[in-house]
Amino acid sequence: MTNKYLSFITDEDLFECIEFLYTEYEKALEGIDFDKFFKNRIDTFKMTFDMGINNLSEQDWLAAELQRQVEKTITNHVGTFHEKLIGKIEGYTNYPVGYDYDVAKDDNTLFAEIKNKHNTLTGTHTKSLFQKICGYAEKYPDAICYYVRIIDTKSRNDIWEFRSGSIDENTREKPRFSHPRVRIASGDQFYKIVTGEEDAFKQLAYNIPIALDDWIETKRAKKGSSLGLFAELYQQAKANNRTLSEEIISINYPKSNYISF
């Protein structure tokens, strides 16, 4: 068991988490076939300006568009990557979808719901998550319970307080939500809590690129590619004596029955 990359997780455990995320990337990109690519229609005006202003080749633009289409799916899986990684830390367990919480300390003194970014929750979802986490705190009176935002707007480890709902006629304020053992933490602070190491998140940020390259090399895995869809579109464009951009335009708008196409 070696610790080449992170002091708090073995290389084997880190590679297992990397393999999970790599596999999800593959599934997401391979899941976009010809029909799915055009399902929500392509903004060909933005396509033209993107390629012209950013000096992108047609293949570069296509790769970027594919990435954009799978962005939400991948972002969710990156959150799961962190859950799995934290579950590899001694004394902690990651629980699969269906359990009440994402991560818990084995002695029931810490529970956490982990989101990848600070803007993942909006509106009523924030209140629902707060009430859910309060449930852990009430069930386990010795536990500190966390709402973790891996990518946050600032470093924080605070009592989670916010106001939400309709304005009260007497106080002229929205209802206040707070619990003394429910906290909100950024990624750096939470990794510090679960590892006991000040620079745990910094280690992860700087060493993940190295570990990913090594894993890809070891597994002889292929790096993501849009060549399959590109080849299909290119061959069709060539057969129709069009550029790739012209082919995308000719496919895109007839799907919505736009006039003159």
C-alpha atoms as a PDB file:
ATOM      1  CA  MET A   1       0.000   0.000   0.000  1.00  0.00           C
ATOM      2  CA  THR A   2       1.681   3.176  -1.201  1.00  0.00           C
ATOM      3  CA  ASN A   3       0.858   6.864  -0.763  1.00  0.00           C
ATOM      4  CA  LYS A   4       2.557   8.483  -3.738  1.00  0.00           C
ATOM      5  CA  TYR A   5      -0.191  11.033  -4.362  1.00  0.00           C
ATOM      6  CA  LEU A   6      -2.112  11.663  -1.141  1.00  0.00           C
ATOM      7  CA  SER A   7      -0.964  11.206   2.433  1.00  0.00           C
ATOM      8  CA  PHE A   8      -4.430  10.231   3.645  1.00  0.00           C
ATOM      9  CA  ILE A   9      -5.521   7.697   0.992  1.00  0.00           C
ATOM     10  CA  THR A  10      -3.606   4.842  -0.613  1.00  0.00           C
ATOM     11  CA  ASP A  11      -2.808   4.968  -4.304  1.00  0.00           C
ATOM     12  CA  GLU A  12      -4.942   1.882  -4.841  1.00  0.00           C
ATOM     13  CA  ASP A  13      -7.989   3.536  -3.285  1.00  0.00           C
ATOM     14  CA  LEU A  14      -7.386   6.744  -5.225  1.00  0.00           C
ATOM     15  CA  PHE A  15      -7.114   4.824  -8.499  1.00  0.00           C
ATOM     16  CA  GLU A  16     -10.388   3.044  -7.727  1.00  0.00           C
ATOM     17  CA  CYS A  17     -12.138   6.420  -7.401  1.00  0.00           C
ATOM     18  CA  ILE A  18     -10.468   7.717 -10.561  1.00  0.00           C
ATOM     19  CA  GLU A  19     -11.605   4.631 -12.453  1.00  0.00           C
ATOM     20  CA  PHE A  20     -15.188   5.250 -11.331  1.00  0.00           C
ATOM     21  CA  LEU A  21     -15.171   8.808 -12.689  1.00  0.00           C
ATOM     22  CA  TYR A  22     -13.372   7.833 -15.890  1.00  0.00           C
ATOM     23  CA  THR A  23     -16.003   5.165 -16.541  1.00  0.00           C
ATOM     24  CA  GLU A  24     -18.819   7.664 -15.981  1.00  0.00           C
ATOM     25  CA  TYR A  25     -17.168  10.086 -18.411  1.00  0.00           C
ATOM     26  CA  GLU A  26     -16.995   7.330 -21.010  1.00  0.00           C
ATOM     27  CA  LYS A  27     -20.643   6.388 -20.506  1.00  0.00           C
ATOM     28  CA  ALA A  28     -21.781   9.998 -20.783  1.00  0.00           C
ATOM     29  CA  LEU A  29     -19.842  10.738 -23.965  1.00  0.00           C
ATOM     30  CA  GLU A  30     -20.566   7.408 -25.626  1.00  0.00           C
ATOM     31  CA  GLY A  31     -24.242   7.908 -24.836  1.00  0.00           C
ATOM     32  CA  ILE A  32     -24.417  10.863 -27.203  1.00  0.00           C
ATOM     33  CA  ASP A  33     -25.205   9.442 -30.588  1.00  0.00           C
ATOM     34  CA  PHE A  34     -26.316  11.257 -33.732  1.00  0.00           C
ATOM     35  CA  ASP A  35     -29.933  11.663 -32.583  1.00  0.00           C
ATOM     36  CA  LYS A  36     -29.115  12.742 -29.026  1.00  0.00           C
ATOM     37  CA  PHE A  37     -26.603  15.293 -30.274  1.00  0.00           C
ATOM     38  CA  PHE A  38     -29.361  17.129 -32.138  1.00  0.00           C
ATOM     39  CA  LYS A  39     -32.173  16.413 -29.663  1.00  0.00           C
ATOM     40  CA  ASN A  40     -32.199  19.879 -28.037  1.00  0.00           C
ATOM     41  CA  ARG A  41     -31.025  21.562 -31.227  1.00  0.00           C
ATOM     42  CA  ILE A  42     -27.694  23.258 -31.863  1.00  0.00           C
ATOM     43  CA  ASP A  43     -27.348  27.040 -31.732  1.00  0.00           C
ATOM     44  CA  THR A  44     -25.531  27.345 -35.039  1.00  0.00           C
ATOM     45  CA  PHE A  45     -25.061  31.102 -34.633  1.00  0.00           C
ATOM     46  CA  LYS A  46     -23.147  30.550 -31.398  1.00  0.00           C
ATOM     47  CA  MET A  47     -21.286  27.704 -33.125  1.00  0.00           C
ATOM     48  CA  THR A  48     -20.139  30.073 -35.866  1.00  0.00           C
ATOM     49  CA  PHE A  49     -19.007  32.782 -33.445  1.00  0.00           C
ATOM     50  CA  ASP A  50     -17.331  30.243 -31.122  1.00  0.00           C
ATOM     51  CA  MET A  51     -15.251  28.849 -33.964  1.00  0.00           C
ATOM     52  CA  GLY A  52     -14.464  32.231 -35.486  1.00  0.00           C
ATOM     53  CA  ILE A  53     -13.670  34.240 -32.362  1.00  0.00           C
ATOM     54  CA  ASN A  54     -11.931  31.427 -30.431  1.00  0.00           C
ATOM     55  CA  ASN A  55     -10.118  30.113 -33.513  1.00  0.00           C
ATOM     56  CA  LEU A  56     -11.553  26.619 -33.039  1.00  0.00           C
ATOM     57  CA  SER A  57     -11.416  23.914 -35.644  1.00  0.00           C
ATOM     58  CA  GLU A  58     -14.671  22.109 -36.389  1.00  0.00           C
ATOM     59  CA  GLN A  59     -13.463  19.090 -34.415  1.00  0.00           C
ATOM     60  CA  ASP A  60     -12.426  21.292 -31.460  1.00  0.00           C
ATOM     61  CA  TRP A  61     -15.863  22.915 -31.459  1.00  0.00           C
ATOM     62  CA  LEU A  62     -17.567  19.527 -31.588  1.00  0.00           C
ATOM     63  CA  ALA A  63     -15.519  18.245 -28.644  1.00  0.00           C
ATOM     64  CA  ALA A  64     -16.449  21.355 -26.632  1.00  0.00           C
ATOM     65  CA  GLU A  65     -20.138  20.990 -27.518  1.00  0.00           C
ATOM     66  CA  LEU A  66     -20.149  17.346 -26.451  1.00  0.00           C
ATOM     67  CA  GLN A  67     -18.559  18.348 -23.153  1.00  0.00           C
ATOM     68  CA  ARG A  68     -21.209  21.030 -22.669  1.00  0.00           C
ATOM     69  CA  GLN A  69     -24.021  18.544 -23.289  1.00  0.00           C
ATOM     70  CA  VAL A  70     -22.779  16.130 -20.617  1.00  0.00           C
ATOM     71  CA  GLU A  71     -21.709  18.860 -18.152  1.00  0.00           C
ATOM     72  CA  LYS A  72     -24.558  18.406 -15.654  1.00  0.00           C
ATOM     73  CA  THR A  73     -24.214  14.625 -15.619  1.00  0.00           C
ATOM     74  CA  ILE A  74     -20.455  14.804 -15.144  1.00  0.00           C
ATOM     75  CA  THR A  75     -20.720  17.443 -12.400  1.00  0.00           C
ATOM     76  CA  ASN A  76     -22.981  15.116 -10.412  1.00  0.00           C
ATOM     77  CA  HIS A  77     -20.503  12.272 -10.838  1.00  0.00           C
ATOM     78  CA  VAL A  78     -17.623  14.479  -9.674  1.00  0.00           C
ATOM     79  CA  GLY A  79     -19.596  14.979  -6.464  1.00  0.00           C
ATOM     80  CA  THR A  80     -19.898  11.202  -6.143  1.00  0.00           C
ATOM     81  CA  PHE A  81     -16.141  10.927  -6.759  1.00  0.00           C
ATOM     82  CA  HIS A  82     -15.535  13.056  -3.648  1.00  0.00           C
ATOM     83  CA  GLU A  83     -18.009  10.984  -1.639  1.00  0.00           C
ATOM     84  CA  LYS A  84     -16.221   7.781  -2.626  1.00  0.00           C
ATOM     85  CA  LEU A  85     -12.825   9.310  -1.906  1.00  0.00           C
ATOM     86  CA  ILE A  86     -13.836  10.459   1.573  1.00  0.00           C
ATOM     87  CA  GLY A  87     -15.317   7.017   2.181  1.00  0.00           C
ATOM     88  CA  LYS A  88     -11.812   5.586   1.676  1.00  0.00           C
ATOM     89  CA  ILE A  89     -10.450   7.593   4.613  1.00  0.00           C
ATOM     90  CA  GLU A  90      -9.997   5.455   7.715  1.00  0.00           C
ATOM     91  CA  GLY A  91     -13.008   5.690  10.011  1.00  0.00           C
ATOM     92  CA  TYR A  92     -15.424   6.919   7.333  1.00  0.00           C
ATOM     93  CA  THR A  93     -17.931   5.217   5.041  1.00  0.00           C
ATOM     94  CA  ASN A  94     -19.527   6.370   1.815  1.00  0.00           C
ATOM     95  CA  TYR A  95     -23.139   5.263   1.391  1.00  0.00           C
ATOM     96  CA  PRO A  96     -24.742   4.647  -2.020  1.00  0.00           C
ATOM     97  CA  VAL A  97     -27.799   6.381  -3.430  1.00  0.00           C
ATOM     98  CA  GLY A  98     -30.844   5.424  -1.387  1.00  0.00           C
ATOM     99  CA  TYR A  99     -29.299   6.010   2.034  1.00  0.00           C
ATOM    100  CA  ASP A 100     -30.204   9.105   4.036  1.00  0.00           C
ATOM    101  CA  TYR A 101     -26.656  10.529   3.949  1.00  0.00           C
ATOM    102  CA  ASP A 102     -23.654  10.483   1.631  1.00  0.00           C
ATOM    103  CA  VAL A 103     -20.823  10.062   4.138  1.00  0.00           C
ATOM    104  CA  ALA A 104     -20.719   9.186   7.824  1.00  0.00           C
ATOM    105  CA  LYS A 105     -18.090   8.620  10.467  1.00  0.00           C
ATOM    106  CA  ASP A 106     -18.232   5.050  11.669  1.00  0.00           C
ATOM    107  CA  ASP A 107     -18.795   6.103  15.296  1.00  0.00           C
ATOM    108  CA  ASN A 108     -21.873   8.151  14.280  1.00  0.00           C
ATOM    109  CA  THR A 109     -20.366  11.493  15.330  1.00  0.00           C
ATOM    110  CA  LEU A 110     -20.338  13.011  11.822  1.00  0.00           C
ATOM    111  CA  PHE A 111     -22.753  12.900   8.907  1.00  0.00           C
ATOM    112  CA  ALA A 112     -22.527  14.784   5.641  1.00  0.00           C
ATOM    113  CA  GLU A 113     -24.431  15.610   2.504  1.00  0.00           C
ATOM    114  CA  ILE A 114     -21.952  16.470  -0.244  1.00  0.00           C
ATOM    115  CA  LYS A 115     -22.621  18.649  -3.278  1.00  0.00           C
ATOM    116  CA  ASN A 116     -20.007  19.449  -5.874  1.00  0.00           C
ATOM    117  CA  LYS A 117     -20.704  23.188  -6.271  1.00  0.00           C
ATOM    118  CA  HIS A 118     -22.142  26.055  -4.259  1.00  0.00           C
ATOM    119  CA  ASN A 119     -24.892  26.696  -6.832  1.00  0.00           C
ATOM    120  CA  THR A 120     -26.227  23.128  -6.927  1.00  0.00           C
ATOM    121  CA  LEU A 121     -29.148  23.897  -4.594  1.00  0.00           C
ATOM    122  CA  THR A 122     -31.778  26.551  -5.170  1.00  0.00           C
ATOM    123  CA  GLY A 123     -35.023  27.660  -3.548  1.00  0.00           C
ATOM    124  CA  THR A 124     -37.078  25.013  -1.791  1.00  0.00           C
ATOM    125  CA  HIS A 125     -34.347  22.394  -2.297  1.00  0.00           C
ATOM    126  CA  THR A 126     -32.172  24.268   0.203  1.00  0.00           C
ATOM    127  CA  LYS A 127     -34.879  24.135   2.863  1.00  0.00           C
ATOM    128  CA  SER A 128     -35.544  20.443   2.165  1.00  0.00           C
ATOM    129  CA  LEU A 129     -31.861  19.554   2.502  1.00  0.00           C
ATOM    130  CA  PHE A 130     -31.571  21.528   5.731  1.00  0.00           C
ATOM    131  CA  GLN A 131     -34.530  19.686   7.242  1.00  0.00           C
ATOM    132  CA  LYS A 132     -33.073  16.377   6.109  1.00  0.00           C
ATOM    133  CA  ILE A 133     -29.719  17.109   7.758  1.00  0.00           C
ATOM    134  CA  CYS A 134     -31.477  18.333  10.916  1.00  0.00           C
ATOM    135  CA  GLY A 135     -33.024  14.885  11.060  1.00  0.00           C
ATOM    136  CA  TYR A 136     -29.555  13.336  11.393  1.00  0.00           C
ATOM    137  CA  ALA A 137     -28.684  15.770  14.179  1.00  0.00           C
ATOM    138  CA  GLU A 138     -31.855  14.945  16.113  1.00  0.00           C
ATOM    139  CA  LYS A 139     -31.363  11.196  15.691  1.00  0.00           C
ATOM    140  CA  TYR A 140     -27.711  11.310  16.741  1.00  0.00           C
ATOM    141  CA  PRO A 141     -27.321  13.869  19.578  1.00  0.00           C
ATOM    142  CA  ASP A 142     -23.511  13.542  19.630  1.00  0.00           C
ATOM    143  CA  ALA A 143     -23.123  14.160  15.898  1.00  0.00           C
ATOM    144  CA  ILE A 144     -22.063  17.230  13.946  1.00  0.00           C
ATOM    145  CA  CYS A 145     -23.848  17.222  10.592  1.00  0.00           C
ATOM    146  CA  TYR A 146     -22.578  18.958   7.478  1.00  0.00           C
ATOM    147  CA  TYR A 147     -23.757  20.363   4.208  1.00  0.00           C
ATOM    148  CA  VAL A 148     -20.543  20.252   2.160  1.00  0.00           C
ATOM    149  CA  ARG A 149     -19.955  22.308  -0.981  1.00  0.00           C
ATOM    150  CA  ILE A 150     -16.707  21.075  -2.501  1.00  0.00           C
ATOM    151  CA  ILE A 151     -16.353  24.108  -4.782  1.00  0.00           C
ATOM    152  CA  ASP A 152     -17.540  27.086  -2.752  1.00  0.00           C
ATOM    153  CA  THR A 153     -17.283  30.867  -3.022  1.00  0.00           C
ATOM    154  CA  LYS A 154     -15.110  31.017   0.115  1.00  0.00           C
ATOM    155  CA  SER A 155     -13.448  28.794   2.695  1.00  0.00           C
ATOM    156  CA  ARG A 156     -15.959  28.134   5.471  1.00  0.00           C
ATOM    157  CA  ASN A 157     -16.931  25.912   8.379  1.00  0.00           C
ATOM    158  CA  ASP A 158     -19.877  27.685   9.973  1.00  0.00           C
ATOM    159  CA  ILE A 159     -23.244  26.994  11.524  1.00  0.00           C
ATOM    160  CA  TRP A 160     -25.617  26.812   8.562  1.00  0.00           C
ATOM    161  CA  GLU A 161     -28.046  29.728   8.850  1.00  0.00           C
ATOM    162  CA  PHE A 162     -30.340  31.170   6.218  1.00  0.00           C
ATOM    163  CA  ARG A 163     -33.782  32.685   5.729  1.00  0.00           C
ATOM    164  CA  SER A 164     -36.365  31.263   3.366  1.00  0.00           C
ATOM    165  CA  GLY A 165     -40.098  31.354   2.708  1.00  0.00           C
ATOM    166  CA  SER A 166     -42.780  34.004   2.956  1.00  0.00           C
ATOM    167  CA  ILE A 167     -42.148  37.263   4.821  1.00  0.00           C
ATOM    168  CA  ASP A 168     -43.706  37.314   8.302  1.00  0.00           C
ATOM    169  CA  GLU A 169     -46.198  40.181   8.720  1.00  0.00           C
ATOM    170  CA  ASN A 170     -44.967  40.952  12.248  1.00  0.00           C
ATOM    171  CA  THR A 171     -41.187  40.658  11.898  1.00  0.00           C
ATOM    172  CA  ARG A 172     -41.125  41.696   8.231  1.00  0.00           C
ATOM    173  CA  GLU A 173     -38.557  38.959   7.709  1.00  0.00           C
ATOM    174  CA  LYS A 174     -38.504  35.511   6.203  1.00  0.00           C
ATOM    175  CA  PRO A 175     -38.350  32.554   8.627  1.00  0.00           C
ATOM    176  CA  ARG A 176     -34.843  31.815   9.919  1.00  0.00           C
ATOM    177  CA  PHE A 177     -33.387  28.310   9.691  1.00  0.00           C
ATOM    178  CA  SER A 178     -30.550  27.243  11.982  1.00  0.00           C
ATOM    179  CA  HIS A 179     -29.420  24.344  14.171  1.00  0.00           C
ATOM    180  CA  PRO A 180     -26.421  24.382  16.539  1.00  0.00           C
ATOM    181  CA  ARG A 181     -25.047  21.089  15.160  1.00  0.00           C
ATOM    182  CA  VAL A 182     -25.781  21.593  11.474  1.00  0.00           C
ATOM    183  CA  ARG A 183     -22.883  23.239   9.673  1.00  0.00           C
ATOM    184  CA  ILE A 184     -21.949  24.318   6.159  1.00  0.00           C
ATOM    185  CA  ALA A 185     -18.400  23.599   5.014  1.00  0.00           C
ATOM    186  CA  SER A 186     -16.340  24.203   1.892  1.00  0.00           C
ATOM    187  CA  GLY A 187     -14.274  21.414   0.343  1.00  0.00           C
ATOM    188  CA  ASP A 188     -10.970  22.514   1.872  1.00  0.00           C
ATOM    189  CA  GLN A 189     -12.436  22.724   5.373  1.00  0.00           C
ATOM    190  CA  PHE A 190     -14.244  19.401   5.161  1.00  0.00           C
ATOM    191  CA  TYR A 191     -11.207  17.515   3.890  1.00  0.00           C
ATOM    192  CA  LYS A 192      -9.281  19.054   6.798  1.00  0.00           C
ATOM    193  CA  ILE A 193     -11.950  17.781   9.217  1.00  0.00           C
ATOM    194  CA  VAL A 194     -12.034  14.201   7.927  1.00  0.00           C
ATOM    195  CA  THR A 195      -8.256  13.818   7.429  1.00  0.00           C
ATOM    196  CA  GLY A 196      -6.885  15.996  10.207  1.00  0.00           C
ATOM    197  CA  GLU A 197      -4.510  17.529   7.658  1.00  0.00           C
ATOM    198  CA  GLU A 198      -4.481  21.249   6.902  1.00  0.00           C
ATOM    199  CA  ASP A 199      -3.426  20.817   3.275  1.00  0.00           C
ATOM    200  CA  ALA A 200      -5.523  17.759   2.379  1.00  0.00           C
ATOM    201  CA  PHE A 201      -7.603  19.548  -0.261  1.00  0.00           C
ATOM    202  CA  LYS A 202      -4.500  21.228  -1.695  1.00  0.00           C
ATOM    203  CA  GLN A 203      -2.838  17.806  -1.997  1.00  0.00           C
ATOM    204  CA  LEU A 204      -5.866  16.554  -3.885  1.00  0.00           C
ATOM    205  CA  ALA A 205      -6.093  19.549  -6.226  1.00  0.00           C
ATOM    206  CA  TYR A 206      -2.427  19.395  -7.248  1.00  0.00           C
ATOM    207  CA  ASN A 207      -1.979  15.631  -7.384  1.00  0.00           C
ATOM    208  CA  ILE A 208      -5.162  14.493  -9.134  1.00  0.00           C
ATOM    209  CA  PRO A 209      -3.814  15.520 -12.585  1.00  0.00           C
ATOM    210  CA  ILE A 210      -0.648  13.485 -11.967  1.00  0.00           C
ATOM    211  CA  ALA A 211      -2.571  10.489 -10.640  1.00  0.00           C
ATOM    212  CA  LEU A 212      -5.020  10.601 -13.560  1.00  0.00           C
ATOM    213  CA  ASP A 213      -2.194  10.613 -16.118  1.00  0.00           C
ATOM    214  CA  ASP A 214      -0.508   7.705 -14.330  1.00  0.00           C
ATOM    215  CA  TRP A 215      -3.756   5.747 -14.132  1.00  0.00           C
ATOM    216  CA  ILE A 216      -4.473   6.275 -17.833  1.00  0.00           C
ATOM    217  CA  GLU A 217      -0.933   5.172 -18.674  1.00  0.00           C
ATOM    218  CA  THR A 218      -1.139   2.112 -16.409  1.00  0.00           C
ATOM    219  CA  LYS A 219      -4.533   1.033 -17.712  1.00  0.00           C
ATOM    220  CA  ARG A 220      -3.657   2.018 -21.274  1.00  0.00           C
ATOM    221  CA  ALA A 221      -7.022   3.737 -21.246  1.00  0.00           C
ATOM    222  CA  LYS A 222      -7.995   5.930 -24.136  1.00  0.00           C
ATOM    223  CA  LYS A 223      -8.499   9.623 -23.562  1.00  0.00           C
ATOM    224  CA  GLY A 224     -11.954  10.969 -24.332  1.00  0.00           C
ATOM    225  CA  SER A 225     -12.684  11.582 -27.994  1.00  0.00           C
ATOM    226  CA  SER A 226     -15.422  12.899 -30.215  1.00  0.00           C
ATOM    227  CA  LEU A 227     -13.987  11.113 -33.245  1.00  0.00           C
ATOM    228  CA  GLY A 228     -16.901   8.703 -33.665  1.00  0.00           C
ATOM    229  CA  LEU A 229     -19.552  11.379 -33.993  1.00  0.00           C
ATOM    230  CA  PHE A 230     -17.136  13.654 -35.854  1.00  0.00           C
ATOM    231  CA  ALA A 231     -16.415  10.922 -38.406  1.00  0.00           C
ATOM    232  CA  GLU A 232     -20.118  10.275 -38.928  1.00  0.00           C
ATOM    233  CA  LEU A 233     -20.889  13.953 -39.451  1.00  0.00           C
ATOM    234  CA  TYR A 234     -17.784  14.504 -41.577  1.00  0.00           C
ATOM    235  CA  GLN A 235     -18.554  11.615 -43.914  1.00  0.00           C
ATOM    236  CA  GLN A 236     -22.136  12.803 -44.304  1.00  0.00           C
ATOM    237  CA  ALA A 237     -20.956  16.369 -44.987  1.00  0.00           C
ATOM    238  CA  LYS A 238     -18.445  15.132 -47.545  1.00  0.00           C
ATOM    239  CA  ALA A 239     -21.100  13.067 -49.319  1.00  0.00           C
ATOM    240  CA  ASN A 240     -23.332  16.142 -49.491  1.00  0.00           C
ATOM    241  CA  ASN A 241     -20.457  18.401 -50.593  1.00  0.00           C
ATOM    242  CA  ARG A 242     -20.793  20.577 -47.471  1.00  0.00           C
ATOM    243  CA  THR A 243     -18.549  21.781 -44.666  1.00  0.00           C
ATOM    244  CA  LEU A 244     -19.190  20.290 -41.231  1.00  0.00           C
ATOM    245  CA  SER A 245     -20.850  23.540 -40.137  1.00  0.00           C
ATOM    246  CA  GLU A 246     -23.122  23.526 -43.168  1.00  0.00           C
ATOM    247  CA  GLU A 247     -24.029  19.894 -42.499  1.00  0.00           C
ATOM    248  CA  ILE A 248     -24.948  20.643 -38.886  1.00  0.00           C
ATOM    249  CA  ILE A 249     -27.133  23.553 -40.030  1.00  0.00           C
ATOM    250  CA  SER A 250     -28.823  21.383 -42.664  1.00  0.00           C
ATOM    251  CA  ILE A 251     -29.639  18.702 -40.071  1.00  0.00           C
ATOM    252  CA  ASN A 252     -30.480  20.940 -37.134  1.00  0.00           C
ATOM    253  CA  TYR A 253     -33.274  23.205 -38.364  1.00  0.00           C
ATOM    254  CA  PRO A 254     -35.349  20.739 -40.401  1.00  0.00           C
ATOM    255  CA  LYS A 255     -35.748  18.772 -37.155  1.00  0.00           C
ATOM    256  CA  SER A 256     -37.787  21.730 -35.880  1.00  0.00           C
ATOM    257  CA  ASN A 257     -39.543  22.233 -39.226  1.00  0.00           C
ATOM    258  CA  TYR A 258     -38.065  25.709 -39.665  1.00  0.00           C
ATOM    259  CA  ILE A 259     -39.222  27.372 -42.874  1.00  0.00           C
ATOM    260  CA  SER A 260     -36.999  27.335 -45.963  1.00  0.00           C
ATOM    261  CA  PHE A 261     -34.759  24.530 -44.661  1.00  0.00           C
END
